[in-house]
Amino acid sequence: METVQIVLDKKLLQATDRAARRTKRNRSELVREALREHLRRLEVCALEERDRQGYSKQAPAGGESSVWEAEATWPLE
């Protein structure tokens, strides 16, 4: 592992320390886990955006998605 320095404002540091105590972890472990989760969410968002762009460029072939659309909207109709 590498050691890095980060700058946190007082309120964020206090909230971090409270969360670390509440979850019985040290500050570094809590920050590592939070950063991993944030990076995972960014990756999911990027993949979703890539898929959205791909689907918007190519419309489904004649009725290809109608079965799925009907299923998705079934309770509403």
N, C-alpha and C. Protein backbone atom coordinates (compact mmCIF):
# COMPACT_ATOMS: atom_id res chain seq x y z
N MET A 1 0.83 -1.18 0.00
CA MET A 1 0.00 0.00 0.00
C MET A 1 0.88 1.24 0.00
N GLU A 2 0.35 2.28 -0.57
CA GLU A 2 1.04 3.57 -0.60
C GLU A 2 0.38 4.50 0.40
N THR A 3 1.14 5.43 0.92
CA THR A 3 0.62 6.45 1.82
C THR A 3 0.43 7.73 1.04
N VAL A 4 -0.75 8.35 1.19
CA VAL A 4 -1.05 9.62 0.53
C VAL A 4 -1.59 10.60 1.56
N GLN A 5 -1.48 11.85 1.25
CA GLN A 5 -2.06 12.88 2.11
C GLN A 5 -3.24 13.49 1.38
N ILE A 6 -4.31 13.73 2.12
CA ILE A 6 -5.46 14.43 1.55
C ILE A 6 -5.86 15.54 2.50
N VAL A 7 -6.52 16.54 1.99
CA VAL A 7 -6.97 17.66 2.80
C VAL A 7 -8.49 17.57 2.92
N LEU A 8 -8.99 17.54 4.14
CA LEU A 8 -10.43 17.49 4.40
C LEU A 8 -10.81 18.68 5.24
N ASP A 9 -11.99 19.24 4.98
CA ASP A 9 -12.44 20.31 5.86
C ASP A 9 -12.85 19.69 7.21
N LYS A 10 -12.95 20.52 8.21
CA LYS A 10 -13.16 20.05 9.58
C LYS A 10 -14.41 19.20 9.72
N LYS A 11 -15.52 19.64 9.12
CA LYS A 11 -16.78 18.90 9.25
C LYS A 11 -16.69 17.52 8.60
N LEU A 12 -16.04 17.44 7.44
CA LEU A 12 -15.90 16.16 6.77
C LEU A 12 -15.00 15.22 7.57
N LEU A 13 -13.95 15.74 8.14
CA LEU A 13 -13.06 14.93 8.97
C LEU A 13 -13.80 14.41 10.21
N GLN A 14 -14.58 15.27 10.84
CA GLN A 14 -15.34 14.85 12.02
C GLN A 14 -16.36 13.78 11.65
N ALA A 15 -17.05 13.96 10.53
CA ALA A 15 -18.02 12.97 10.08
C ALA A 15 -17.33 11.64 9.75
N THR A 16 -16.16 11.72 9.16
CA THR A 16 -15.38 10.52 8.83
C THR A 16 -15.00 9.78 10.10
N ASP A 17 -14.52 10.51 11.09
CA ASP A 17 -14.12 9.88 12.35
C ASP A 17 -15.32 9.27 13.07
N ARG A 18 -16.46 9.95 13.05
CA ARG A 18 -17.67 9.38 13.68
C ARG A 18 -18.07 8.08 12.98
N ALA A 19 -18.07 8.10 11.66
CA ALA A 19 -18.44 6.90 10.90
C ALA A 19 -17.46 5.77 11.15
N ALA A 20 -16.19 6.08 11.24
CA ALA A 20 -15.18 5.05 11.51
C ALA A 20 -15.42 4.42 12.88
N ARG A 21 -15.69 5.24 13.87
CA ARG A 21 -15.97 4.70 15.21
C ARG A 21 -17.24 3.85 15.20
N ARG A 22 -18.27 4.35 14.54
CA ARG A 22 -19.56 3.65 14.49
C ARG A 22 -19.42 2.28 13.80
N THR A 23 -18.59 2.21 12.80
CA THR A 23 -18.42 0.96 12.05
C THR A 23 -17.21 0.15 12.53
N LYS A 24 -16.59 0.64 13.60
CA LYS A 24 -15.44 -0.06 14.21
C LYS A 24 -14.31 -0.31 13.20
N ARG A 25 -13.99 0.74 12.44
CA ARG A 25 -12.88 0.70 11.50
C ARG A 25 -12.00 1.92 11.73
N ASN A 26 -10.79 1.86 11.22
CA ASN A 26 -9.97 3.06 11.34
C ASN A 26 -10.29 3.99 10.17
N ARG A 27 -9.85 5.21 10.28
CA ARG A 27 -10.15 6.24 9.28
C ARG A 27 -9.69 5.83 7.89
N SER A 28 -8.48 5.29 7.79
CA SER A 28 -7.95 4.91 6.48
C SER A 28 -8.80 3.84 5.82
N GLU A 29 -9.20 2.86 6.59
CA GLU A 29 -10.03 1.78 6.05
C GLU A 29 -11.37 2.33 5.55
N LEU A 30 -11.96 3.21 6.31
CA LEU A 30 -13.24 3.82 5.91
C LEU A 30 -13.09 4.62 4.61
N VAL A 31 -12.04 5.41 4.52
CA VAL A 31 -11.82 6.24 3.33
C VAL A 31 -11.53 5.36 2.12
N ARG A 32 -10.73 4.30 2.29
CA ARG A 32 -10.46 3.38 1.18
C ARG A 32 -11.75 2.76 0.66
N GLU A 33 -12.58 2.29 1.59
CA GLU A 33 -13.85 1.67 1.19
C GLU A 33 -14.76 2.67 0.47
N ALA A 34 -14.83 3.88 0.99
CA ALA A 34 -15.66 4.92 0.37
C ALA A 34 -15.16 5.25 -1.03
N LEU A 35 -13.86 5.33 -1.19
CA LEU A 35 -13.28 5.63 -2.50
C LEU A 35 -13.53 4.49 -3.49
N ARG A 36 -13.36 3.26 -3.03
CA ARG A 36 -13.66 2.11 -3.90
C ARG A 36 -15.12 2.14 -4.37
N GLU A 37 -16.03 2.39 -3.45
CA GLU A 37 -17.45 2.44 -3.78
C GLU A 37 -17.74 3.57 -4.76
N HIS A 38 -17.15 4.72 -4.55
CA HIS A 38 -17.35 5.85 -5.46
C HIS A 38 -16.82 5.52 -6.86
N LEU A 39 -15.64 4.94 -6.93
CA LEU A 39 -15.07 4.57 -8.23
C LEU A 39 -15.93 3.51 -8.93
N ARG A 40 -16.47 2.57 -8.16
CA ARG A 40 -17.37 1.56 -8.73
C ARG A 40 -18.61 2.22 -9.32
N ARG A 41 -19.19 3.18 -8.59
CA ARG A 41 -20.38 3.87 -9.08
C ARG A 41 -20.07 4.67 -10.34
N LEU A 42 -18.90 5.31 -10.39
CA LEU A 42 -18.51 6.05 -11.59
C LEU A 42 -18.41 5.11 -12.79
N GLU A 43 -17.85 3.93 -12.57
CA GLU A 43 -17.72 2.94 -13.65
C GLU A 43 -19.09 2.49 -14.13
N VAL A 44 -20.00 2.22 -13.20
CA VAL A 44 -21.36 1.81 -13.58
C VAL A 44 -22.04 2.92 -14.37
N CYS A 45 -21.90 4.16 -13.93
CA CYS A 45 -22.49 5.29 -14.66
C CYS A 45 -21.91 5.41 -16.06
N ALA A 46 -20.61 5.21 -16.19
CA ALA A 46 -19.97 5.29 -17.50
C ALA A 46 -20.48 4.18 -18.42
N LEU A 47 -20.63 2.98 -17.89
CA LEU A 47 -21.14 1.87 -18.69
C LEU A 47 -22.59 2.10 -19.10
N GLU A 48 -23.40 2.62 -18.18
CA GLU A 48 -24.79 2.92 -18.50
C GLU A 48 -24.89 3.99 -19.58
N GLU A 49 -24.05 5.00 -19.48
CA GLU A 49 -24.05 6.07 -20.50
C GLU A 49 -23.61 5.52 -21.85
N ARG A 50 -22.61 4.66 -21.85
CA ARG A 50 -22.16 4.04 -23.10
C ARG A 50 -23.29 3.24 -23.74
N ASP A 51 -24.01 2.47 -22.91
CA ASP A 51 -25.13 1.69 -23.43
C ASP A 51 -26.24 2.59 -23.95
N ARG A 52 -26.55 3.66 -23.20
CA ARG A 52 -27.59 4.60 -23.63
C ARG A 52 -27.25 5.19 -24.99
N GLN A 53 -26.01 5.60 -25.15
CA GLN A 53 -25.59 6.19 -26.43
C GLN A 53 -25.66 5.16 -27.55
N GLY A 54 -25.25 3.93 -27.26
CA GLY A 54 -25.30 2.89 -28.27
C GLY A 54 -26.72 2.58 -28.71
N TYR A 55 -27.63 2.48 -27.76
CA TYR A 55 -29.03 2.17 -28.09
C TYR A 55 -29.70 3.34 -28.81
N SER A 56 -29.30 4.57 -28.48
CA SER A 56 -29.93 5.72 -29.13
C SER A 56 -29.49 5.84 -30.59
N LYS A 57 -28.34 5.29 -30.93
CA LYS A 57 -27.84 5.35 -32.31
C LYS A 57 -28.48 4.29 -33.20
N GLN A 58 -28.97 3.21 -32.59
CA GLN A 58 -29.54 2.12 -33.37
C GLN A 58 -30.90 1.73 -32.79
N ALA A 59 -31.96 2.13 -33.48
CA ALA A 59 -33.31 1.79 -33.03
C ALA A 59 -33.54 0.29 -33.17
N PRO A 60 -34.34 -0.30 -32.26
CA PRO A 60 -34.62 -1.73 -32.37
C PRO A 60 -35.33 -2.05 -33.68
N ALA A 61 -35.06 -3.23 -34.22
CA ALA A 61 -35.71 -3.67 -35.46
C ALA A 61 -37.19 -3.90 -35.21
N GLY A 62 -37.99 -3.78 -36.24
CA GLY A 62 -39.44 -3.89 -36.19
C GLY A 62 -40.03 -4.73 -35.08
N GLY A 63 -40.47 -4.11 -34.03
CA GLY A 63 -41.15 -4.78 -32.94
C GLY A 63 -40.27 -5.62 -32.04
N GLU A 64 -38.98 -5.52 -32.22
CA GLU A 64 -38.04 -6.35 -31.47
C GLU A 64 -38.21 -6.18 -29.96
N SER A 65 -38.46 -4.96 -29.53
CA SER A 65 -38.55 -4.72 -28.09
C SER A 65 -39.98 -4.61 -27.60
N SER A 66 -40.97 -4.81 -28.46
CA SER A 66 -42.36 -4.62 -28.05
C SER A 66 -42.78 -5.58 -26.94
N VAL A 67 -42.28 -6.81 -26.97
CA VAL A 67 -42.61 -7.77 -25.92
C VAL A 67 -42.09 -7.28 -24.59
N TRP A 68 -40.86 -6.80 -24.57
CA TRP A 68 -40.26 -6.30 -23.33
C TRP A 68 -40.95 -5.04 -22.86
N GLU A 69 -41.28 -4.15 -23.77
CA GLU A 69 -41.98 -2.91 -23.40
C GLU A 69 -43.34 -3.22 -22.82
N ALA A 70 -44.06 -4.17 -23.40
CA ALA A 70 -45.37 -4.56 -22.89
C ALA A 70 -45.24 -5.12 -21.48
N GLU A 71 -44.23 -5.93 -21.27
CA GLU A 71 -44.01 -6.51 -19.94
C GLU A 71 -43.68 -5.43 -18.92
N ALA A 72 -42.85 -4.47 -19.33
CA ALA A 72 -42.42 -3.40 -18.41
C ALA A 72 -43.57 -2.48 -18.04
N THR A 73 -44.52 -2.28 -18.96
CA THR A 73 -45.62 -1.35 -18.68
C THR A 73 -46.91 -2.07 -18.31
N TRP A 74 -46.88 -3.37 -18.20
CA TRP A 74 -48.08 -4.16 -17.95
C TRP A 74 -48.94 -3.64 -16.80
N PRO A 75 -48.41 -3.39 -15.61
CA PRO A 75 -49.30 -2.95 -14.52
C PRO A 75 -49.92 -1.57 -14.78
N LEU A 76 -49.31 -0.78 -15.64
CA LEU A 76 -49.78 0.58 -15.85
C LEU A 76 -50.88 0.65 -16.89
N GLU A 77 -51.00 -0.34 -17.73
CA GLU A 77 -51.99 -0.28 -18.81
C GLU A 77 -53.28 -0.95 -18.43
